[in-house]
Amino acid sequence: MGVDQIITEVVSAEAVSARVAELGAEITADYQGKTPVVVGVLNAALLFLADLVRSLDMPVEVEFLAVSRFGEGGRVGIAMDTSISLQGRHVILVEDLVDTGLTLSFLRELFETRQVASLRTVTLIDKAPRRIVDVPLEYRGFEVGEEFLLGYGLDHGERYRNLSSLWAVLDFAAFAADPDVLQRTVVSGDRVSS
């Protein structure tokens, strides 16, 4: 089986960078005269958040939180909370990927109880076909299908977050049997793009 049947680069580093800059320009225009708090959801949103805040041409504050899932129903909880009060603040929630909408729905409800002045969400990846709960996404980078993605913060077993482009796993069984295939592809420069 060829590498191009297992994994393929779907969004180049240049395309990611260009889209993040566009999102930064949109957010900057929408928040003129305000100093929003940009809240990144760890760990996957870290790279996206770092590039996004550098593209904002306005003052911002940066905060983080982490969520955990537990129990059979995958109940969401806060593993690490923000260090400041968000009451009365304009909050921009930064997610790496929104699929079912369950985590984002939980977070939006949580922030509403904290009496924020406004709340908007920006996500790098919108997996709309997987949506279970309808959640507002004011800013989105790329809309994709159901493929498993890696790179630019997205991982498999904590690996591949550091890649600057996005890769789709086409054959998960083959990838799971040889997860180093992506590392070998990136190192060799053999990028098989669709």
N, C-alpha and C. Protein backbone atom coordinates (compact mmCIF):
# COMPACT_ATOMS: atom_id res chain seq x y z
N MET A 1 0.85 -1.18 0.00
CA MET A 1 0.00 0.00 0.00
C MET A 1 0.89 1.24 0.00
N GLY A 2 0.61 2.16 -0.90
CA GLY A 2 1.40 3.38 -1.00
C GLY A 2 1.04 4.38 0.08
N VAL A 3 1.99 5.25 0.37
CA VAL A 3 1.80 6.30 1.37
C VAL A 3 0.57 7.12 1.04
N ASP A 4 0.35 7.42 -0.23
CA ASP A 4 -0.78 8.26 -0.64
C ASP A 4 -2.12 7.59 -0.41
N GLN A 5 -2.13 6.29 -0.09
CA GLN A 5 -3.37 5.60 0.27
C GLN A 5 -3.58 5.58 1.78
N ILE A 6 -2.58 6.00 2.54
CA ILE A 6 -2.67 6.00 4.00
C ILE A 6 -2.88 7.41 4.54
N ILE A 7 -2.11 8.35 4.02
CA ILE A 7 -2.14 9.71 4.55
C ILE A 7 -1.82 10.71 3.45
N THR A 8 -2.45 11.87 3.52
CA THR A 8 -2.19 12.89 2.52
C THR A 8 -2.31 14.28 3.14
N GLU A 9 -1.48 15.18 2.66
CA GLU A 9 -1.56 16.56 3.12
C GLU A 9 -2.78 17.20 2.46
N VAL A 10 -3.68 17.77 3.27
CA VAL A 10 -4.91 18.35 2.73
C VAL A 10 -4.93 19.87 2.78
N VAL A 11 -4.16 20.47 3.70
CA VAL A 11 -4.05 21.92 3.75
C VAL A 11 -2.59 22.25 4.00
N SER A 12 -1.97 22.93 3.05
CA SER A 12 -0.55 23.26 3.16
C SER A 12 -0.30 24.28 4.27
N ALA A 13 0.94 24.37 4.69
CA ALA A 13 1.33 25.36 5.71
C ALA A 13 1.03 26.77 5.22
N GLU A 14 1.24 27.02 3.93
CA GLU A 14 0.97 28.34 3.36
C GLU A 14 -0.52 28.67 3.41
N ALA A 15 -1.36 27.69 3.12
CA ALA A 15 -2.81 27.91 3.16
C ALA A 15 -3.29 28.13 4.58
N VAL A 16 -2.74 27.38 5.53
CA VAL A 16 -3.08 27.58 6.95
C VAL A 16 -2.71 28.99 7.36
N SER A 17 -1.50 29.40 7.06
CA SER A 17 -1.02 30.73 7.43
C SER A 17 -1.87 31.84 6.83
N ALA A 18 -2.22 31.68 5.56
CA ALA A 18 -3.04 32.70 4.88
C ALA A 18 -4.43 32.79 5.51
N ARG A 19 -5.02 31.63 5.85
CA ARG A 19 -6.37 31.64 6.43
C ARG A 19 -6.35 32.23 7.84
N VAL A 20 -5.33 31.93 8.62
CA VAL A 20 -5.22 32.50 9.96
C VAL A 20 -5.10 34.02 9.88
N ALA A 21 -4.33 34.51 8.92
CA ALA A 21 -4.20 35.96 8.73
C ALA A 21 -5.55 36.59 8.36
N GLU A 22 -6.32 35.91 7.51
CA GLU A 22 -7.65 36.40 7.15
C GLU A 22 -8.57 36.46 8.36
N LEU A 23 -8.54 35.40 9.18
CA LEU A 23 -9.36 35.38 10.39
C LEU A 23 -8.94 36.51 11.33
N GLY A 24 -7.63 36.73 11.45
CA GLY A 24 -7.14 37.81 12.30
C GLY A 24 -7.64 39.17 11.83
N ALA A 25 -7.67 39.37 10.53
CA ALA A 25 -8.16 40.65 9.99
C ALA A 25 -9.66 40.81 10.26
N GLU A 26 -10.44 39.73 10.11
CA GLU A 26 -11.88 39.79 10.39
C GLU A 26 -12.13 40.12 11.86
N ILE A 27 -11.43 39.44 12.74
CA ILE A 27 -11.62 39.66 14.19
C ILE A 27 -11.19 41.07 14.56
N THR A 28 -10.07 41.52 14.04
CA THR A 28 -9.59 42.89 14.32
C THR A 28 -10.66 43.90 13.93
N ALA A 29 -11.26 43.74 12.75
CA ALA A 29 -12.30 44.66 12.29
C ALA A 29 -13.52 44.64 13.21
N ASP A 30 -13.87 43.46 13.71
CA ASP A 30 -15.06 43.32 14.55
C ASP A 30 -14.86 43.83 15.97
N TYR A 31 -13.62 43.94 16.43
CA TYR A 31 -13.36 44.30 17.83
C TYR A 31 -12.66 45.65 17.98
N GLN A 32 -12.82 46.53 17.00
CA GLN A 32 -12.20 47.85 17.10
C GLN A 32 -12.66 48.55 18.38
N GLY A 33 -11.71 49.11 19.12
CA GLY A 33 -12.02 49.84 20.34
C GLY A 33 -12.24 48.96 21.56
N LYS A 34 -12.03 47.66 21.41
CA LYS A 34 -12.23 46.72 22.53
C LYS A 34 -10.92 45.98 22.79
N THR A 35 -10.78 45.47 23.99
CA THR A 35 -9.65 44.61 24.34
C THR A 35 -10.22 43.26 24.76
N PRO A 36 -10.42 42.36 23.81
CA PRO A 36 -11.02 41.07 24.15
C PRO A 36 -10.04 40.15 24.87
N VAL A 37 -10.61 39.18 25.56
CA VAL A 37 -9.84 38.10 26.15
C VAL A 37 -9.95 36.91 25.21
N VAL A 38 -8.81 36.48 24.68
CA VAL A 38 -8.76 35.34 23.77
C VAL A 38 -8.46 34.11 24.62
N VAL A 39 -9.41 33.17 24.66
CA VAL A 39 -9.29 31.99 25.51
C VAL A 39 -9.08 30.76 24.64
N GLY A 40 -7.90 30.15 24.76
CA GLY A 40 -7.57 28.96 23.99
C GLY A 40 -7.88 27.70 24.77
N VAL A 41 -8.45 26.72 24.08
CA VAL A 41 -8.75 25.42 24.69
C VAL A 41 -7.55 24.51 24.45
N LEU A 42 -6.87 24.16 25.53
CA LEU A 42 -5.67 23.32 25.45
C LEU A 42 -6.05 21.87 25.20
N ASN A 43 -5.17 21.12 24.56
CA ASN A 43 -3.84 21.43 24.09
C ASN A 43 -3.84 21.78 22.62
N ALA A 44 -4.80 21.25 21.90
CA ALA A 44 -4.74 21.32 20.44
C ALA A 44 -4.82 22.73 19.87
N ALA A 45 -5.48 23.65 20.55
CA ALA A 45 -5.64 25.00 19.99
C ALA A 45 -4.41 25.88 20.18
N LEU A 46 -3.39 25.39 20.85
CA LEU A 46 -2.23 26.21 21.19
C LEU A 46 -1.55 26.84 19.97
N LEU A 47 -1.23 26.05 18.96
CA LEU A 47 -0.55 26.59 17.77
C LEU A 47 -1.43 27.59 17.04
N PHE A 48 -2.70 27.24 16.86
CA PHE A 48 -3.65 28.12 16.19
C PHE A 48 -3.78 29.43 16.96
N LEU A 49 -3.94 29.34 18.27
CA LEU A 49 -4.08 30.55 19.08
C LEU A 49 -2.84 31.43 18.97
N ALA A 50 -1.67 30.85 19.03
CA ALA A 50 -0.43 31.63 18.96
C ALA A 50 -0.35 32.41 17.65
N ASP A 51 -0.64 31.75 16.54
CA ASP A 51 -0.59 32.43 15.26
C ASP A 51 -1.72 33.44 15.12
N LEU A 52 -2.90 33.09 15.65
CA LEU A 52 -4.04 33.99 15.54
C LEU A 52 -3.81 35.29 16.30
N VAL A 53 -3.34 35.21 17.54
CA VAL A 53 -3.16 36.46 18.31
C VAL A 53 -2.06 37.32 17.70
N ARG A 54 -1.07 36.71 17.07
CA ARG A 54 -0.04 37.50 16.38
C ARG A 54 -0.60 38.22 15.16
N SER A 55 -1.70 37.71 14.62
CA SER A 55 -2.29 38.34 13.44
C SER A 55 -3.31 39.43 13.81
N LEU A 56 -3.61 39.58 15.09
CA LEU A 56 -4.57 40.59 15.53
C LEU A 56 -3.88 41.93 15.68
N ASP A 57 -4.45 42.96 15.09
CA ASP A 57 -3.89 44.30 15.16
C ASP A 57 -4.69 45.12 16.18
N MET A 58 -4.60 44.69 17.43
CA MET A 58 -5.33 45.33 18.52
C MET A 58 -4.81 44.75 19.83
N PRO A 59 -5.09 45.42 20.95
CA PRO A 59 -4.68 44.84 22.23
C PRO A 59 -5.59 43.67 22.60
N VAL A 60 -5.00 42.61 23.11
CA VAL A 60 -5.76 41.44 23.58
C VAL A 60 -5.12 40.91 24.85
N GLU A 61 -5.89 40.16 25.60
CA GLU A 61 -5.37 39.37 26.70
C GLU A 61 -5.54 37.92 26.30
N VAL A 62 -4.64 37.07 26.75
CA VAL A 62 -4.68 35.65 26.38
C VAL A 62 -4.83 34.82 27.65
N GLU A 63 -5.76 33.90 27.60
CA GLU A 63 -6.02 32.97 28.70
C GLU A 63 -6.16 31.57 28.12
N PHE A 64 -6.10 30.58 28.98
CA PHE A 64 -6.25 29.20 28.57
C PHE A 64 -7.18 28.47 29.52
N LEU A 65 -7.78 27.41 29.00
CA LEU A 65 -8.48 26.45 29.84
C LEU A 65 -8.32 25.09 29.19
N ALA A 66 -8.55 24.07 29.97
CA ALA A 66 -8.47 22.70 29.46
C ALA A 66 -9.72 21.96 29.91
N VAL A 67 -10.22 21.12 29.03
CA VAL A 67 -11.40 20.33 29.36
C VAL A 67 -11.01 18.86 29.43
N SER A 68 -11.84 18.12 30.15
CA SER A 68 -11.64 16.67 30.23
C SER A 68 -12.98 16.00 29.99
N ARG A 69 -12.91 14.80 29.49
CA ARG A 69 -14.11 13.98 29.31
C ARG A 69 -13.97 12.77 30.22
N PHE A 70 -15.08 12.42 30.86
CA PHE A 70 -15.03 11.26 31.73
C PHE A 70 -16.39 10.59 31.76
N GLY A 71 -16.39 9.35 32.20
CA GLY A 71 -17.63 8.58 32.26
C GLY A 71 -18.01 8.03 30.91
N GLU A 72 -19.00 7.13 30.93
CA GLU A 72 -19.43 6.48 29.69
C GLU A 72 -20.07 7.45 28.72
N GLY A 73 -20.73 8.49 29.23
CA GLY A 73 -21.38 9.45 28.36
C GLY A 73 -20.44 10.51 27.84
N GLY A 74 -19.16 10.45 28.24
CA GLY A 74 -18.21 11.44 27.80
C GLY A 74 -18.51 12.82 28.37
N ARG A 75 -18.98 12.85 29.61
CA ARG A 75 -19.31 14.12 30.24
C ARG A 75 -18.10 15.04 30.26
N VAL A 76 -18.32 16.32 29.97
CA VAL A 76 -17.24 17.29 29.88
C VAL A 76 -17.09 18.00 31.22
N GLY A 77 -15.84 18.21 31.61
CA GLY A 77 -15.54 18.97 32.82
C GLY A 77 -14.35 19.88 32.56
N ILE A 78 -14.13 20.79 33.48
CA ILE A 78 -12.99 21.72 33.35
C ILE A 78 -11.80 21.12 34.09
N ALA A 79 -10.72 20.86 33.37
CA ALA A 79 -9.50 20.33 33.98
C ALA A 79 -8.60 21.47 34.45
N MET A 80 -8.63 22.60 33.73
CA MET A 80 -7.87 23.80 34.11
C MET A 80 -8.69 25.00 33.68
N ASP A 81 -8.94 25.91 34.61
CA ASP A 81 -9.78 27.06 34.33
C ASP A 81 -8.93 28.29 34.04
N THR A 82 -9.58 29.34 33.53
CA THR A 82 -8.89 30.60 33.29
C THR A 82 -8.43 31.18 34.62
N SER A 83 -7.40 32.00 34.58
CA SER A 83 -6.85 32.57 35.83
C SER A 83 -7.46 33.91 36.18
N ILE A 84 -8.29 34.48 35.30
CA ILE A 84 -8.93 35.76 35.58
C ILE A 84 -10.44 35.63 35.44
N SER A 85 -11.15 36.57 36.02
CA SER A 85 -12.60 36.63 35.86
C SER A 85 -12.91 37.12 34.46
N LEU A 86 -13.91 36.52 33.84
CA LEU A 86 -14.33 36.92 32.51
C LEU A 86 -15.60 37.78 32.55
N GLN A 87 -16.09 38.05 33.72
CA GLN A 87 -17.32 38.83 33.86
C GLN A 87 -17.16 40.20 33.21
N GLY A 88 -18.12 40.54 32.36
CA GLY A 88 -18.11 41.83 31.70
C GLY A 88 -17.10 41.97 30.58
N ARG A 89 -16.41 40.91 30.23
CA ARG A 89 -15.35 40.96 29.20
C ARG A 89 -15.87 40.42 27.87
N HIS A 90 -15.26 40.89 26.80
CA HIS A 90 -15.52 40.37 25.46
C HIS A 90 -14.60 39.17 25.27
N VAL A 91 -15.19 37.99 25.10
CA VAL A 91 -14.41 36.75 25.06
C VAL A 91 -14.45 36.16 23.65
N ILE A 92 -13.27 35.78 23.18
CA ILE A 92 -13.14 35.03 21.92
C ILE A 92 -12.61 33.66 22.29
N LEU A 93 -13.44 32.64 22.12
CA LEU A 93 -13.07 31.27 22.45
C LEU A 93 -12.41 30.64 21.23
N VAL A 94 -11.20 30.12 21.42
CA VAL A 94 -10.43 29.55 20.30
C VAL A 94 -10.37 28.03 20.44
N GLU A 95 -10.94 27.36 19.46
CA GLU A 95 -10.95 25.90 19.40
C GLU A 95 -10.13 25.44 18.20
N ASP A 96 -9.52 24.29 18.29
CA ASP A 96 -8.81 23.71 17.16
C ASP A 96 -9.79 23.11 16.17
N LEU A 97 -10.79 22.40 16.70
CA LEU A 97 -11.70 21.62 15.87
C LEU A 97 -13.05 21.54 16.56
N VAL A 98 -14.10 21.75 15.81
CA VAL A 98 -15.45 21.56 16.34
C VAL A 98 -16.09 20.47 15.50
N ASP A 99 -16.49 19.38 16.15
CA ASP A 99 -17.17 18.32 15.41
C ASP A 99 -18.59 18.13 15.94
N THR A 100 -18.80 17.37 17.00
CA THR A 100 -20.16 17.12 17.50
C THR A 100 -20.80 18.39 18.06
N GLY A 101 -19.98 19.31 18.55
CA GLY A 101 -20.49 20.52 19.16
C GLY A 101 -20.74 20.39 20.65
N LEU A 102 -20.59 19.19 21.20
CA LEU A 102 -20.89 18.97 22.62
C LEU A 102 -19.96 19.75 23.54
N THR A 103 -18.66 19.70 23.29
CA THR A 103 -17.71 20.43 24.13
C THR A 103 -17.93 21.93 24.00
N LEU A 104 -18.08 22.41 22.79
CA LEU A 104 -18.29 23.83 22.59
C LEU A 104 -19.59 24.30 23.23
N SER A 105 -20.64 23.51 23.15
CA SER A 105 -21.91 23.85 23.78
C SER A 105 -21.71 23.99 25.29
N PHE A 106 -20.99 23.06 25.89
CA PHE A 106 -20.68 23.11 27.32
C PHE A 106 -19.93 24.39 27.66
N LEU A 107 -18.90 24.71 26.88
CA LEU A 107 -18.07 25.89 27.16
C LEU A 107 -18.86 27.18 26.98
N ARG A 108 -19.67 27.26 25.96
CA ARG A 108 -20.46 28.47 25.74
C ARG A 108 -21.45 28.68 26.89
N GLU A 109 -22.09 27.61 27.34
CA GLU A 109 -23.00 27.72 28.48
C GLU A 109 -22.25 28.16 29.73
N LEU A 110 -21.07 27.61 29.94
CA LEU A 110 -20.25 27.98 31.10
C LEU A 110 -19.91 29.47 31.07
N PHE A 111 -19.47 29.96 29.92
CA PHE A 111 -19.09 31.37 29.83
C PHE A 111 -20.30 32.29 29.98
N GLU A 112 -21.46 31.85 29.50
CA GLU A 112 -22.67 32.67 29.69
C GLU A 112 -22.99 32.81 31.18
N THR A 113 -22.78 31.75 31.95
CA THR A 113 -23.05 31.85 33.40
C THR A 113 -22.06 32.79 34.08
N ARG A 114 -20.94 33.04 33.44
CA ARG A 114 -19.93 33.95 33.99
C ARG A 114 -20.17 35.40 33.57
N GLN A 115 -21.30 35.63 32.94
CA GLN A 115 -21.76 36.97 32.58
C GLN A 115 -20.74 37.75 31.75
N VAL A 116 -20.30 37.12 30.68
CA VAL A 116 -19.39 37.81 29.76
C VAL A 116 -20.17 38.86 28.98
N ALA A 117 -19.49 39.92 28.55
CA ALA A 117 -20.15 40.97 27.77
C ALA A 117 -20.54 40.44 26.39
N SER A 118 -19.67 39.65 25.79
CA SER A 118 -19.96 39.01 24.50
C SER A 118 -19.10 37.77 24.38
N LEU A 119 -19.56 36.85 23.54
CA LEU A 119 -18.83 35.60 23.35
C LEU A 119 -18.93 35.20 21.88
N ARG A 120 -17.77 35.02 21.27
CA ARG A 120 -17.69 34.52 19.91
C ARG A 120 -16.68 33.38 19.88
N THR A 121 -16.88 32.48 18.93
CA THR A 121 -16.00 31.33 18.80
C THR A 121 -15.29 31.37 17.46
N VAL A 122 -13.99 31.06 17.49
CA VAL A 122 -13.21 30.87 16.27
C VAL A 122 -12.63 29.46 16.32
N THR A 123 -12.78 28.74 15.23
CA THR A 123 -12.22 27.40 15.15
C THR A 123 -11.40 27.26 13.88
N LEU A 124 -10.33 26.52 13.97
CA LEU A 124 -9.53 26.26 12.78
C LEU A 124 -10.27 25.31 11.85
N ILE A 125 -10.84 24.23 12.41
CA ILE A 125 -11.49 23.18 11.63
C ILE A 125 -12.94 23.03 12.08
N ASP A 126 -13.83 23.07 11.12
CA ASP A 126 -15.25 22.83 11.37
C ASP A 126 -15.63 21.53 10.67
N LYS A 127 -15.94 20.50 11.48
CA LYS A 127 -16.41 19.22 10.93
C LYS A 127 -17.94 19.21 11.01
N ALA A 128 -18.56 20.06 10.25
CA ALA A 128 -20.02 20.23 10.27
C ALA A 128 -20.81 18.93 10.09
N PRO A 129 -20.37 17.98 9.24
CA PRO A 129 -21.15 16.75 9.07
C PRO A 129 -21.27 15.93 10.36
N ARG A 130 -20.40 16.15 11.33
CA ARG A 130 -20.44 15.38 12.58
C ARG A 130 -21.25 16.08 13.68
N ARG A 131 -21.85 17.22 13.38
CA ARG A 131 -22.53 18.02 14.40
C ARG A 131 -23.73 17.29 14.99
N ILE A 132 -23.78 17.23 16.31
CA ILE A 132 -24.92 16.70 17.05
C ILE A 132 -25.70 17.85 17.67
N VAL A 133 -24.97 18.84 18.18
CA VAL A 133 -25.56 20.00 18.83
C VAL A 133 -25.25 21.22 17.96
N ASP A 134 -26.27 22.00 17.66
CA ASP A 134 -26.07 23.20 16.86
C ASP A 134 -25.42 24.27 17.73
N VAL A 135 -24.23 24.69 17.35
CA VAL A 135 -23.50 25.72 18.10
C VAL A 135 -23.06 26.82 17.14
N PRO A 136 -23.07 28.07 17.60
CA PRO A 136 -22.62 29.14 16.72
C PRO A 136 -21.10 29.14 16.56
N LEU A 137 -20.66 29.30 15.33
CA LEU A 137 -19.24 29.46 15.02
C LEU A 137 -19.12 30.75 14.22
N GLU A 138 -18.71 31.79 14.88
CA GLU A 138 -18.64 33.09 14.22
C GLU A 138 -17.48 33.17 13.22
N TYR A 139 -16.40 32.46 13.51
CA TYR A 139 -15.23 32.46 12.63
C TYR A 139 -14.76 31.03 12.46
N ARG A 140 -14.54 30.62 11.21
CA ARG A 140 -14.05 29.25 10.97
C ARG A 140 -12.96 29.29 9.91
N GLY A 141 -11.96 28.45 10.11
CA GLY A 141 -10.85 28.39 9.18
C GLY A 141 -11.18 27.54 7.97
N PHE A 142 -11.41 26.27 8.19
CA PHE A 142 -11.67 25.32 7.11
C PHE A 142 -12.82 24.41 7.50
N GLU A 143 -13.71 24.16 6.54
CA GLU A 143 -14.79 23.21 6.76
C GLU A 143 -14.39 21.91 6.08
N VAL A 144 -14.45 20.81 6.84
CA VAL A 144 -14.02 19.51 6.32
C VAL A 144 -15.10 18.48 6.59
N GLY A 145 -14.86 17.27 6.09
CA GLY A 145 -15.79 16.16 6.30
C GLY A 145 -15.47 15.42 7.58
N GLU A 146 -15.47 14.11 7.50
CA GLU A 146 -15.30 13.30 8.70
C GLU A 146 -13.89 12.72 8.84
N GLU A 147 -12.97 13.06 7.95
CA GLU A 147 -11.63 12.48 7.99
C GLU A 147 -10.90 12.82 9.29
N PHE A 148 -10.04 11.91 9.69
CA PHE A 148 -9.20 12.11 10.88
C PHE A 148 -8.02 12.97 10.46
N LEU A 149 -7.83 14.09 11.15
CA LEU A 149 -6.78 15.04 10.77
C LEU A 149 -5.65 15.10 11.79
N LEU A 150 -4.47 15.41 11.28
CA LEU A 150 -3.28 15.56 12.11
C LEU A 150 -2.54 16.83 11.69
N GLY A 151 -1.76 17.36 12.61
CA GLY A 151 -0.92 18.51 12.33
C GLY A 151 -1.53 19.80 12.83
N TYR A 152 -0.72 20.83 12.94
CA TYR A 152 -1.12 22.15 13.38
C TYR A 152 -1.96 22.09 14.65
N GLY A 153 -1.46 21.32 15.62
CA GLY A 153 -2.12 21.19 16.91
C GLY A 153 -2.89 19.90 17.08
N LEU A 154 -3.30 19.27 16.00
CA LEU A 154 -4.07 18.04 16.08
C LEU A 154 -3.11 16.85 16.15
N ASP A 155 -3.45 15.89 17.00
CA ASP A 155 -2.49 14.82 17.27
C ASP A 155 -3.07 13.43 17.15
N HIS A 156 -2.18 12.47 17.20
CA HIS A 156 -2.50 11.05 17.39
C HIS A 156 -1.53 10.57 18.44
N GLY A 157 -2.03 10.27 19.63
CA GLY A 157 -1.16 9.84 20.73
C GLY A 157 -0.14 10.91 21.09
N GLU A 158 -0.56 12.18 21.05
CA GLU A 158 0.27 13.35 21.36
C GLU A 158 1.36 13.62 20.33
N ARG A 159 1.34 12.93 19.21
CA ARG A 159 2.33 13.16 18.15
C ARG A 159 1.73 13.98 17.02
N TYR A 160 2.57 14.68 16.32
CA TYR A 160 2.27 15.42 15.10
C TYR A 160 1.59 16.77 15.31
N ARG A 161 1.44 17.22 16.55
CA ARG A 161 0.89 18.55 16.79
C ARG A 161 1.77 19.64 16.15
N ASN A 162 3.07 19.38 16.08
CA ASN A 162 4.03 20.39 15.64
C ASN A 162 4.10 20.60 14.12
N LEU A 163 3.38 19.81 13.34
CA LEU A 163 3.42 19.99 11.89
C LEU A 163 2.71 21.29 11.51
N SER A 164 3.23 21.99 10.53
CA SER A 164 2.67 23.29 10.16
C SER A 164 1.55 23.18 9.12
N SER A 165 1.28 21.99 8.64
CA SER A 165 0.19 21.77 7.68
C SER A 165 -0.77 20.73 8.26
N LEU A 166 -1.88 20.51 7.57
CA LEU A 166 -2.88 19.54 8.02
C LEU A 166 -2.87 18.32 7.12
N TRP A 167 -2.95 17.16 7.76
CA TRP A 167 -2.90 15.88 7.05
C TRP A 167 -4.14 15.07 7.37
N ALA A 168 -4.68 14.39 6.37
CA ALA A 168 -5.84 13.51 6.56
C ALA A 168 -5.36 12.06 6.52
N VAL A 169 -5.84 11.29 7.48
CA VAL A 169 -5.56 9.86 7.50
C VAL A 169 -6.64 9.19 6.65
N LEU A 170 -6.24 8.56 5.59
CA LEU A 170 -7.17 7.93 4.65
C LEU A 170 -7.48 6.49 5.02
N ASP A 171 -6.51 5.81 5.62
CA ASP A 171 -6.68 4.42 6.04
C ASP A 171 -6.20 4.33 7.49
N PHE A 172 -7.14 4.45 8.42
CA PHE A 172 -6.75 4.52 9.82
C PHE A 172 -6.10 3.23 10.31
N ALA A 173 -6.56 2.09 9.86
CA ALA A 173 -5.96 0.81 10.29
C ALA A 173 -4.50 0.74 9.86
N ALA A 174 -4.21 1.11 8.64
CA ALA A 174 -2.83 1.09 8.15
C ALA A 174 -1.99 2.13 8.90
N PHE A 175 -2.57 3.30 9.17
CA PHE A 175 -1.84 4.33 9.92
C PHE A 175 -1.57 3.86 11.35
N ALA A 176 -2.56 3.27 12.01
CA ALA A 176 -2.39 2.79 13.38
C ALA A 176 -1.33 1.69 13.45
N ALA A 177 -1.23 0.89 12.40
CA ALA A 177 -0.22 -0.17 12.36
C ALA A 177 1.18 0.40 12.16
N ASP A 178 1.26 1.58 11.53
CA ASP A 178 2.56 2.21 11.26
C ASP A 178 2.42 3.74 11.38
N PRO A 179 2.26 4.27 12.61
CA PRO A 179 2.07 5.71 12.76
C PRO A 179 3.29 6.54 12.37
N ASP A 180 4.43 5.91 12.21
CA ASP A 180 5.63 6.63 11.78
C ASP A 180 5.61 6.97 10.29
N VAL A 181 4.62 6.47 9.55
CA VAL A 181 4.55 6.75 8.12
C VAL A 181 4.48 8.26 7.87
N LEU A 182 3.80 8.99 8.73
CA LEU A 182 3.71 10.43 8.54
C LEU A 182 5.06 11.09 8.81
N GLN A 183 5.74 10.66 9.84
CA GLN A 183 7.05 11.22 10.15
C GLN A 183 8.02 10.98 8.99
N ARG A 184 8.01 9.77 8.46
CA ARG A 184 8.89 9.47 7.33
C ARG A 184 8.52 10.31 6.11
N THR A 185 7.25 10.55 5.89
CA THR A 185 6.79 11.34 4.75
C THR A 185 7.24 12.78 4.89
N VAL A 186 7.10 13.35 6.07
CA VAL A 186 7.47 14.75 6.30
C VAL A 186 8.98 14.92 6.20
N VAL A 187 9.73 14.01 6.80
CA VAL A 187 11.19 14.10 6.80
C VAL A 187 11.74 13.95 5.39
N SER A 188 11.14 13.05 4.60
CA SER A 188 11.65 12.84 3.24
C SER A 188 11.19 13.94 2.28
N GLY A 189 10.22 14.73 2.72
CA GLY A 189 9.71 15.79 1.85
C GLY A 189 8.75 15.24 0.80
N ASP A 190 8.36 13.98 0.95
CA ASP A 190 7.48 13.34 -0.01
C ASP A 190 6.02 13.65 0.35
N ARG A 191 5.61 14.89 0.10
CA ARG A 191 4.26 15.32 0.46
C ARG A 191 3.28 14.95 -0.66
N VAL A 192 2.39 14.05 -0.33
CA VAL A 192 1.41 13.61 -1.31
C VAL A 192 0.12 14.38 -1.07
N SER A 193 -0.05 15.47 -1.79
CA SER A 193 -1.22 16.33 -1.60
C SER A 193 -2.33 15.95 -2.56
N SER A 194 -3.55 16.16 -2.10
CA SER A 194 -4.70 15.90 -2.97
C SER A 194 -5.09 17.18 -3.68
